[in-house]
Protein backbone atom coordinates (compact mmCIF):
# COMPACT_ATOMS: atom_id res chain seq x y z
CA UNK A 1 0.00 0.00 0.00
CA UNK A 2 1.13 3.55 -0.72
CA UNK A 3 0.65 6.55 1.57
CA UNK A 4 0.75 9.69 -0.56
CA UNK A 5 2.14 12.86 0.99
CA UNK A 6 2.57 16.43 -0.20
CA UNK A 7 5.29 18.84 0.87
CA UNK A 8 4.91 22.62 1.17
CA UNK A 9 8.32 24.25 1.45
CA UNK A 10 11.46 22.84 -0.21
CA UNK A 11 14.03 24.70 1.87
CA UNK A 12 16.60 23.36 4.30
CA UNK A 13 14.35 21.06 6.33
CA UNK A 14 12.24 20.14 3.31
CA UNK A 15 15.40 19.02 1.53
CA UNK A 16 16.29 16.88 4.55
CA UNK A 17 12.88 15.23 4.45
CA UNK A 18 13.22 14.43 0.75
CA UNK A 19 16.74 13.07 1.20
CA UNK A 20 15.65 10.74 4.02
CA UNK A 21 12.62 9.52 2.09
CA UNK A 22 14.91 8.79 -0.85
CA UNK A 23 17.86 7.19 0.93
CA UNK A 24 15.95 5.28 3.63
CA UNK A 25 12.91 4.34 1.58
CA UNK A 26 13.48 0.60 1.92
CA UNK A 27 14.16 0.78 5.66
CA UNK A 28 11.04 2.85 6.29
CA UNK A 29 8.91 0.47 4.21
CA UNK A 30 10.16 -2.52 6.24
CA UNK A 31 9.27 -0.79 9.50
CA UNK A 32 5.96 0.64 8.33
CA UNK A 33 4.66 -2.14 6.12
CA UNK A 34 3.75 0.36 3.42
CA UNK A 35 5.45 2.83 1.10
CA UNK A 36 5.46 6.57 1.76
CA UNK A 37 5.26 8.28 -1.65
CA UNK A 38 6.10 11.95 -2.07
CA UNK A 39 3.50 12.95 -4.67
CA UNK A 40 3.96 16.70 -4.94
CA UNK A 41 6.29 19.46 -3.67
CA UNK A 42 5.06 23.06 -3.60
CA UNK A 43 7.59 25.88 -3.29
CA UNK A 44 7.81 29.51 -4.38
CA UNK A 45 11.11 28.87 -6.15
CA UNK A 46 11.31 25.64 -8.11
CA UNK A 47 14.03 26.77 -10.53
CA UNK A 48 17.01 27.48 -8.26
CA UNK A 49 19.32 24.53 -7.52
CA UNK A 50 18.35 22.52 -4.43
CA UNK A 51 20.58 20.38 -2.18
CA UNK A 52 18.50 17.35 -3.20
CA UNK A 53 17.49 16.50 -6.74
CA UNK A 54 13.95 15.34 -7.51
CA UNK A 55 11.94 14.58 -10.61
CA UNK A 56 10.81 18.00 -11.87
CA UNK A 57 7.28 16.67 -12.38
CA UNK A 58 6.95 16.65 -8.57
CA UNK A 59 7.54 20.40 -8.33
CA UNK A 60 4.89 23.10 -8.45
CA UNK A 61 4.45 26.70 -7.40
CA UNK A 62 0.71 26.11 -6.86
CA UNK A 63 0.07 25.07 -3.27
CA UNK A 64 -3.49 24.02 -4.21
CA UNK A 65 -2.00 21.06 -6.06
CA UNK A 66 -1.03 19.74 -2.63
CA UNK A 67 -3.95 20.96 -0.53
CA UNK A 68 -6.73 19.91 -2.92
CA UNK A 69 -5.36 16.63 -4.23
CA UNK A 70 -7.73 13.90 -2.95
CA UNK A 71 -4.97 11.28 -3.27
CA UNK A 72 -2.70 13.07 -0.79
CA UNK A 73 -3.35 11.87 2.78
CA UNK A 74 -0.69 13.86 4.67
CA UNK A 75 0.46 17.44 4.12
CA UNK A 76 3.88 18.55 5.40
CA UNK A 77 4.13 22.29 6.13
CA UNK A 78 7.72 23.56 6.27
CA UNK A 79 7.52 27.21 5.19
CA UNK A 80 7.50 28.59 8.75
CA UNK A 81 6.02 31.85 10.01
CA UNK A 82 2.40 32.65 10.74
CA UNK A 83 0.95 33.30 7.31
CA UNK A 84 0.34 31.80 4.87
CA UNK A 85 1.35 28.70 6.91
CA UNK A 86 -1.70 28.93 9.19
CA UNK A 87 -4.07 29.23 6.24
CA UNK A 88 -2.44 26.28 4.47
CA UNK A 89 -2.63 24.05 7.56
CA UNK A 90 -6.29 24.90 8.22
CA UNK A 91 -7.11 24.28 4.55
CA UNK A 92 -5.42 20.89 4.69
CA UNK A 93 -7.35 19.99 7.84
CA UNK A 94 -10.62 21.17 6.31
CA UNK A 95 -9.91 18.87 3.37
CA UNK A 96 -9.54 15.94 5.76
CA UNK A 97 -5.77 15.66 5.48
CA UNK A 98 -3.39 14.91 8.33
CA UNK A 99 -0.65 17.48 8.91
CA UNK A 100 3.02 17.39 9.87
CA UNK A 101 4.67 20.69 10.73
CA UNK A 102 7.87 22.02 12.28
CA UNK A 103 6.31 25.44 12.85
CA UNK A 104 6.90 26.14 16.56
CA UNK A 105 6.03 29.85 16.37
CA UNK A 106 2.66 29.09 14.76
CA UNK A 107 1.78 26.30 17.20
CA UNK A 108 2.85 28.32 20.24
CA UNK A 109 0.73 31.26 19.11
CA UNK A 110 -2.25 29.73 17.28
CA UNK A 111 -2.06 26.13 18.41
CA UNK A 112 -5.45 26.10 20.15
CA UNK A 113 -7.25 27.04 16.94
CA UNK A 114 -5.31 24.53 14.85
CA UNK A 115 -5.72 21.63 17.29
CA UNK A 116 -9.44 22.39 17.68
CA UNK A 117 -9.88 22.28 13.90
CA UNK A 118 -8.02 18.96 13.73
CA UNK A 119 -10.20 17.50 16.49
CA UNK A 120 -13.36 18.59 14.66
CA UNK A 121 -12.22 16.97 11.40
CA UNK A 122 -10.80 13.87 13.14
CA UNK A 123 -7.32 14.23 11.69
CA UNK A 124 -3.91 14.00 13.32
CA UNK A 125 -1.15 16.58 13.62
CA UNK A 126 2.52 15.68 14.04
CA UNK A 127 4.95 18.37 15.23
CA UNK A 128 8.00 16.54 16.61
CA UNK A 129 10.37 18.74 14.61
CA UNK A 130 9.01 21.91 16.21
CA UNK A 131 11.02 21.35 19.39
CA UNK A 132 14.51 19.91 19.62
CA UNK A 133 15.10 19.04 15.96
CA UNK A 134 16.06 15.36 15.87
CA UNK A 135 15.67 14.91 19.65
CA UNK A 136 12.38 13.02 20.26
CA UNK A 137 11.36 15.14 23.24
CA UNK A 138 7.71 15.53 22.20
CA UNK A 139 7.23 11.79 21.77
CA UNK A 140 9.00 11.23 25.09
CA UNK A 141 6.51 13.46 26.92
CA UNK A 142 3.40 12.33 25.02
CA UNK A 143 4.09 8.61 25.14
CA UNK A 144 7.21 7.60 27.04
CA UNK A 145 6.29 9.59 30.15
CA UNK A 146 2.51 9.25 29.90
CA UNK A 147 2.38 7.58 33.34
CA UNK A 148 4.36 10.36 35.04
CA UNK A 149 3.31 13.55 36.73
CA UNK A 150 5.93 15.83 35.18
CA UNK A 151 7.26 18.25 37.78
CA UNK A 152 9.86 20.25 35.86
CA UNK A 153 11.53 20.91 32.52
CA UNK A 154 14.95 22.50 32.14
CA UNK A 155 16.33 22.93 28.67
CA UNK A 156 18.99 24.38 26.42
CA UNK A 157 16.67 24.73 23.45
CA UNK A 158 18.43 27.04 21.01
CA UNK A 159 21.63 25.94 19.30
CA UNK A 160 22.51 29.42 18.03
CA UNK A 161 22.47 30.98 21.50
CA UNK A 162 24.30 27.99 22.95
CA UNK A 163 27.00 28.19 20.27
CA UNK A 164 27.53 31.91 20.96
CA UNK A 165 27.79 31.43 24.73
CA UNK A 166 30.08 28.41 24.30
CA UNK A 167 32.43 30.40 22.06
CA UNK A 168 32.42 33.34 24.47
CA UNK A 169 33.16 30.97 27.38
CA UNK A 170 35.87 28.89 25.72
CA UNK A 171 37.61 31.54 23.61
CA UNK A 172 36.88 34.81 25.41
CA UNK A 173 35.10 36.21 22.35
CA UNK A 174 32.73 39.15 22.65
CA UNK A 175 29.06 38.62 21.88
CA UNK A 176 29.47 40.44 18.56
CA UNK A 177 32.47 38.31 17.54
CA UNK A 178 30.75 35.06 18.49
CA UNK A 179 27.57 36.06 16.65
CA UNK A 180 29.50 36.91 13.48
CA UNK A 181 31.25 33.54 13.61
CA UNK A 182 27.89 31.78 14.06
CA UNK A 183 26.51 33.61 11.01
CA UNK A 184 29.53 32.69 8.89
CA UNK A 185 29.10 29.04 9.85
CA UNK A 186 25.37 29.11 9.07
CA UNK A 187 24.32 28.65 12.70
CA UNK A 188 22.71 32.09 12.96
CA UNK A 189 20.38 33.98 10.64
CA UNK A 190 21.23 37.38 9.18
CA UNK A 191 18.67 38.70 11.68
CA UNK A 192 19.35 36.59 14.79
CA UNK A 193 16.75 38.28 17.02
CA UNK A 194 14.52 35.24 17.53
CA UNK A 195 17.49 33.19 18.72
CA UNK A 196 19.55 35.61 20.79
CA UNK A 197 16.59 37.34 22.46
CA UNK A 198 15.14 34.03 23.66
CA UNK A 199 11.95 34.19 21.55
CA UNK A 200 12.59 30.91 19.74
CA UNK A 201 13.19 29.21 23.09
CA UNK A 202 9.94 30.63 24.48
CA UNK A 203 7.96 29.13 21.58
CA UNK A 204 9.46 25.72 22.29
CA UNK A 205 8.93 25.96 26.05
CA UNK A 206 5.26 26.92 25.56
CA UNK A 207 4.67 23.79 23.48
CA UNK A 208 6.37 21.54 26.05
CA UNK A 209 4.40 23.10 28.92
CA UNK A 210 1.11 22.30 27.14
CA UNK A 211 2.23 18.69 26.63
CA UNK A 212 3.65 18.22 30.12
CA UNK A 213 0.99 19.90 32.26
CA UNK A 214 -2.16 19.91 30.12
CA UNK A 215 -2.50 23.69 30.20
CA UNK A 216 -2.94 26.51 27.71
CA UNK A 217 -0.72 29.51 28.45
CA UNK A 218 -0.11 32.87 26.88
CA UNK A 219 3.34 33.48 25.43
CA UNK A 220 3.44 36.96 26.95
CA UNK A 221 3.20 35.42 30.43
CA UNK A 222 6.56 33.66 30.02
CA UNK A 223 9.35 35.90 31.31
CA UNK A 224 11.91 36.25 28.52
CA UNK A 225 15.44 37.61 28.53
CA UNK A 226 18.10 37.07 25.85
CA UNK A 227 21.88 36.83 25.87
CA UNK A 228 22.84 40.13 24.22
CA UNK A 229 23.87 41.75 27.53
CA UNK A 230 26.21 38.92 28.57
CA UNK A 231 29.85 40.03 28.44
CA UNK A 232 33.09 37.99 28.60
CA UNK A 233 33.79 39.40 32.05
CA UNK A 234 30.58 37.80 33.39
CA UNK A 235 31.62 34.44 31.98
CA UNK A 236 35.02 34.80 33.65
CA UNK A 237 33.50 35.65 37.02
CA UNK A 238 31.04 32.75 36.64
CA UNK A 239 34.04 30.49 36.07
CA UNK A 240 35.69 31.75 39.26
CA UNK A 241 32.56 30.87 41.21
CA UNK A 242 32.35 27.41 39.56
CA UNK A 243 29.54 28.10 37.09
CA UNK A 244 28.84 28.32 33.36
CA UNK A 245 26.21 30.58 31.83
CA UNK A 246 23.53 29.09 29.55
CA UNK A 247 20.33 30.40 27.99
CA UNK A 248 18.02 28.16 29.96
CA UNK A 249 14.31 27.44 29.60
CA UNK A 250 12.83 26.66 33.01
CA UNK A 251 9.39 25.35 33.90
CA UNK A 252 8.11 23.89 37.15
CA UNK A 253 4.66 22.69 38.10
CA UNK A 254 3.83 22.32 41.79
CA UNK A 255 1.31 23.38 44.40
CA UNK A 256 2.14 27.06 43.78
CA UNK A 257 1.22 26.85 40.11
CA UNK A 258 3.16 26.84 36.86
CA UNK A 259 6.52 28.58 36.64
CA UNK A 260 7.88 29.41 33.19
CA UNK A 261 10.85 31.58 32.23
CA UNK A 262 13.66 31.88 29.70
CA UNK A 263 16.84 33.77 30.60
CA UNK A 264 20.63 33.46 30.94
CA UNK A 265 21.28 31.24 33.94
CA UNK A 266 24.35 30.27 35.92
CA UNK A 267 24.59 26.49 36.25
CA UNK A 268 27.18 24.67 38.39
CA UNK A 269 29.96 23.22 36.23
CA UNK A 270 29.26 19.83 37.79
CA UNK A 271 25.75 19.75 36.34
CA UNK A 272 25.29 17.88 33.07
CA UNK A 273 23.48 20.78 31.35
CA UNK A 274 26.44 23.03 32.10
CA UNK A 275 28.53 20.87 29.76
CA UNK A 276 26.21 21.01 26.74
CA UNK A 277 28.18 23.08 24.25
CA UNK A 278 28.15 24.26 20.66
CA UNK A 279 24.94 23.92 18.67
CA UNK A 280 23.69 21.02 20.78
CA UNK A 281 20.41 21.07 22.72
CA UNK A 282 19.47 19.20 25.88
CA UNK A 283 16.25 18.66 27.82
CA UNK A 284 16.14 17.56 31.45
CA UNK A 285 12.69 16.39 32.47
CA UNK A 286 11.70 15.30 35.96
CA UNK A 287 8.75 12.97 36.50
CA UNK A 288 7.42 11.71 39.80
CA UNK A 289 8.13 8.08 38.86
CA UNK A 290 11.17 8.18 36.58
CA UNK A 291 13.02 10.98 38.34
CA UNK A 292 15.39 12.97 36.12
CA UNK A 293 15.95 12.01 32.49
CA UNK A 294 18.09 13.78 29.88
CA UNK A 295 17.62 14.02 26.12
CA UNK A 296 20.59 15.42 24.18
CA UNK A 297 21.43 16.00 20.55
CA UNK A 298 21.36 18.37 17.58
CA UNK A 299 18.39 20.67 17.93
CA UNK A 300 18.19 21.87 14.34
CA UNK A 301 19.58 21.37 10.86
CA UNK A 302 18.56 19.76 7.61
CA UNK A 303 18.95 16.13 8.60
CA UNK A 304 18.04 16.13 12.34
CA UNK A 305 14.83 18.13 11.74
CA UNK A 306 14.13 16.10 8.61
CA UNK A 307 14.40 12.92 10.68
CA UNK A 308 11.78 14.24 13.11
CA UNK A 309 9.41 15.12 10.27
CA UNK A 310 9.71 11.66 8.72
CA UNK A 311 9.16 10.11 12.15
CA UNK A 312 5.82 11.92 12.28
CA UNK A 313 5.05 10.78 8.73
CA UNK A 314 5.55 7.16 9.79
CA UNK A 315 3.40 7.59 12.92
CA UNK A 316 0.55 9.13 10.96
CA UNK A 317 0.88 6.50 8.23
CA UNK A 318 0.56 3.75 10.84
CA UNK A 319 -2.61 5.41 12.10
CA UNK A 320 -4.01 5.48 8.57
CA UNK A 321 -3.09 1.86 7.88
CA UNK A 322 -4.74 0.54 11.02
CA UNK A 323 -7.66 2.96 11.23
CA UNK A 324 -6.52 4.35 14.57
CA UNK A 325 -6.82 8.06 13.91
CA UNK A 326 -6.14 10.26 16.97
CA UNK A 327 -5.01 7.23 18.97
CA UNK A 328 -2.66 9.59 20.83
CA UNK A 329 -4.03 13.06 21.59
CA UNK A 330 -1.80 15.66 19.86
CA UNK A 331 -1.19 17.49 23.15
CA UNK A 332 -0.95 14.32 25.25
CA UNK A 333 -4.01 15.29 27.34
CA UNK A 334 -7.53 14.77 26.08
CA UNK A 335 -8.91 17.92 24.48
CA UNK A 336 -11.59 18.43 27.14
CA UNK A 337 -8.96 18.20 29.90
CA UNK A 338 -6.83 21.07 28.60
CA UNK A 339 -7.31 24.15 30.77
CA UNK A 340 -6.11 27.75 30.61
CA UNK A 341 -3.66 28.57 33.36
CA UNK A 342 -1.70 31.65 34.32
CA UNK A 343 2.03 31.62 34.97
CA UNK A 344 3.46 32.66 38.34
CA UNK A 345 4.76 36.23 37.82
CA UNK A 346 8.54 36.56 37.83
CA UNK A 347 8.37 39.01 40.76
CA UNK A 348 7.02 36.26 42.99
CA UNK A 349 9.81 33.79 42.29
CA UNK A 350 12.79 33.06 44.52
CA UNK A 351 16.29 32.48 43.21
CA UNK A 352 19.95 33.04 43.94
CA UNK A 353 21.54 35.89 42.02
CA UNK A 354 24.80 37.10 40.52
CA UNK A 355 25.23 40.89 40.48
CA UNK A 356 27.98 42.85 38.73
CA UNK A 357 28.09 46.48 39.77
CA UNK A 358 30.18 49.09 37.94
CA UNK A 359 31.37 51.61 40.52
CA UNK A 360 33.99 54.27 41.08
CA UNK A 361 37.06 53.17 43.03
CA UNK A 362 36.24 54.96 46.28
CA UNK A 363 36.07 53.89 49.95
CA UNK A 364 32.60 53.07 51.25
CA UNK A 365 31.10 51.97 47.93
CA UNK A 366 30.79 48.34 48.96
CA UNK A 367 29.09 49.24 52.25
CA UNK A 368 26.54 51.45 50.45
CA UNK A 369 25.62 48.68 48.03
CA UNK A 370 25.48 45.92 50.65
CA UNK A 371 23.42 48.18 52.93
CA UNK A 372 20.71 48.64 50.32
CA UNK A 373 20.68 44.91 49.62
CA UNK A 374 20.28 44.16 53.31
CA UNK A 375 17.42 46.64 53.65
CA UNK A 376 15.62 44.68 50.91
CA UNK A 377 16.08 41.25 52.54
CA UNK A 378 18.90 40.19 50.20
CA UNK A 379 21.73 38.29 51.88
CA UNK A 380 25.19 38.19 50.29
CA UNK A 381 26.97 34.85 50.11
CA UNK A 382 30.24 35.94 48.46
CA UNK A 383 31.95 39.00 46.98
CA UNK A 384 34.73 39.61 44.46
CA UNK A 385 36.13 43.14 44.22
CA UNK A 386 39.10 43.60 41.92
CA UNK A 387 41.10 46.71 41.28
CA UNK A 388 41.12 46.43 37.50
CA UNK A 389 39.24 49.24 35.81
CA UNK A 390 36.80 48.58 32.99
CA UNK A 391 35.68 51.69 31.10
CA UNK A 392 36.77 53.82 34.04
CA UNK A 393 34.93 51.78 36.66
CA UNK A 394 35.78 48.93 39.01
CA UNK A 395 33.61 45.79 38.91
CA UNK A 396 32.12 44.58 42.17
CA UNK A 397 30.64 41.10 41.90
CA UNK A 398 28.30 39.54 44.44
CA UNK A 399 26.53 36.22 44.76
CA UNK A 400 23.44 36.16 46.95
CA UNK A 401 21.53 33.62 48.94
CA UNK A 402 17.98 32.92 47.79
CA UNK A 403 15.93 36.10 47.47
CA UNK A 404 12.61 37.23 46.05
CA UNK A 405 12.73 38.77 42.57
CA UNK A 406 10.58 41.75 43.54
CA UNK A 407 13.00 42.60 46.37
CA UNK A 408 15.94 42.27 44.02
CA UNK A 409 14.43 44.59 41.42
CA UNK A 410 13.61 47.18 44.04
CA UNK A 411 17.11 47.07 45.51
CA UNK A 412 18.87 47.32 42.13
CA UNK A 413 16.70 50.25 41.08
CA UNK A 414 17.89 52.08 44.20
CA UNK A 415 21.53 51.04 43.78
CA UNK A 416 21.65 52.10 40.13
CA UNK A 417 20.70 55.65 41.22
CA UNK A 418 23.76 55.99 43.48
CA UNK A 419 26.29 58.55 42.29
CA UNK A 420 29.10 56.02 42.84
CA UNK A 421 27.51 53.50 40.44
CA UNK A 422 28.41 54.25 36.82
CA UNK A 423 26.33 51.76 34.84
CA UNK A 424 23.25 49.60 35.08
CA UNK A 425 23.78 46.52 37.24
CA UNK A 426 24.12 43.18 35.47
CA UNK A 427 21.87 40.50 36.99
CA UNK A 428 22.05 36.77 36.23
CA UNK A 429 19.90 34.21 38.00
CA UNK A 430 21.46 31.04 39.43
CA UNK A 431 20.12 27.49 39.50
CA UNK A 432 22.05 25.89 42.33
CA UNK A 433 19.87 23.10 43.65
CA UNK A 434 19.59 19.66 42.07
CA UNK A 435 17.22 20.29 39.16
């Protein structure tokens, strides 16, 4: 039996999908018991050379040849962005076709509408490639950990940001130098905003939170901070304290509610996530039965993401072959069990903190700063004050005991107004407990 599929978007990931379907066709057929046939590829540009060669009769610039073909059972959307991707996916669903997508931004923003449409039409949606590239984190949560009450998710979910921080840590590069290198190597886009400002990571975290906790959340409720303000000096001080800095996605679900945030985080060097470098991603998930598990690998790229897309193709094809449509709910929880839930505001959270103050080299500065911290219930655990001047100021670095974010913000606002402080204080949160 043949399962006909149509592809919309013949870019990097689309090329990976085609290459895998070509090179591993026999292997997939042995595992599936049927043949997946790529019937049509729609793309805006079908004349420029592609990394993978296909029969030109498969190519079209008319997306309707994919969406309206009654012989096509599964539509793969790989154009990204909100529109026209959303319209194409909803059209495919309306036509009774199953959908595979890697579009994390679309699912994180408009997922409720898309999943509701799929439920109404009794079709399946696969989106493994939307989070973690070739790392099967979505399948792990939906199926492998279905018996577990998931308590927390910690993840390095963006390879571009992780590459930049790794290069800054290991080579002493500035952010600008590391970013330029990442762009030359093809790890960063010409406009890297989504990656370096944490937005891409937020999209991925939102999807995982829905799967893990059975909740709908608003993206704007997830506190987000990128890596553009991290300087080599902060990485050096982190090293002196025994930490590395990573752009970390953090989510916890307990009696207080759901916690969700994305920001640069100091992680002890002894922790496994602290040693995830380069363009690699890692997800640490804690369930009440399994404890901590770690998934690690390449989080993006032509072949890893293509592998995830084809994995979804095989899953959906199995459902078609055996008449078991929607055997696994797309978001792990049954549709009627999904509930809206607000995120605990960042001001209410407790953490340890790293502060780097820029101050004039004058007696009494340290006592002024520590006095304000004490007045705001912030206890200092260690201090480094070095005589070297940076841009005319001396850095004073402090590590705190656990404190409330609202108290920290209030204290820093007061400290930054002091006439002896020459620049805005750098703040980095610390994860120090076993997580």
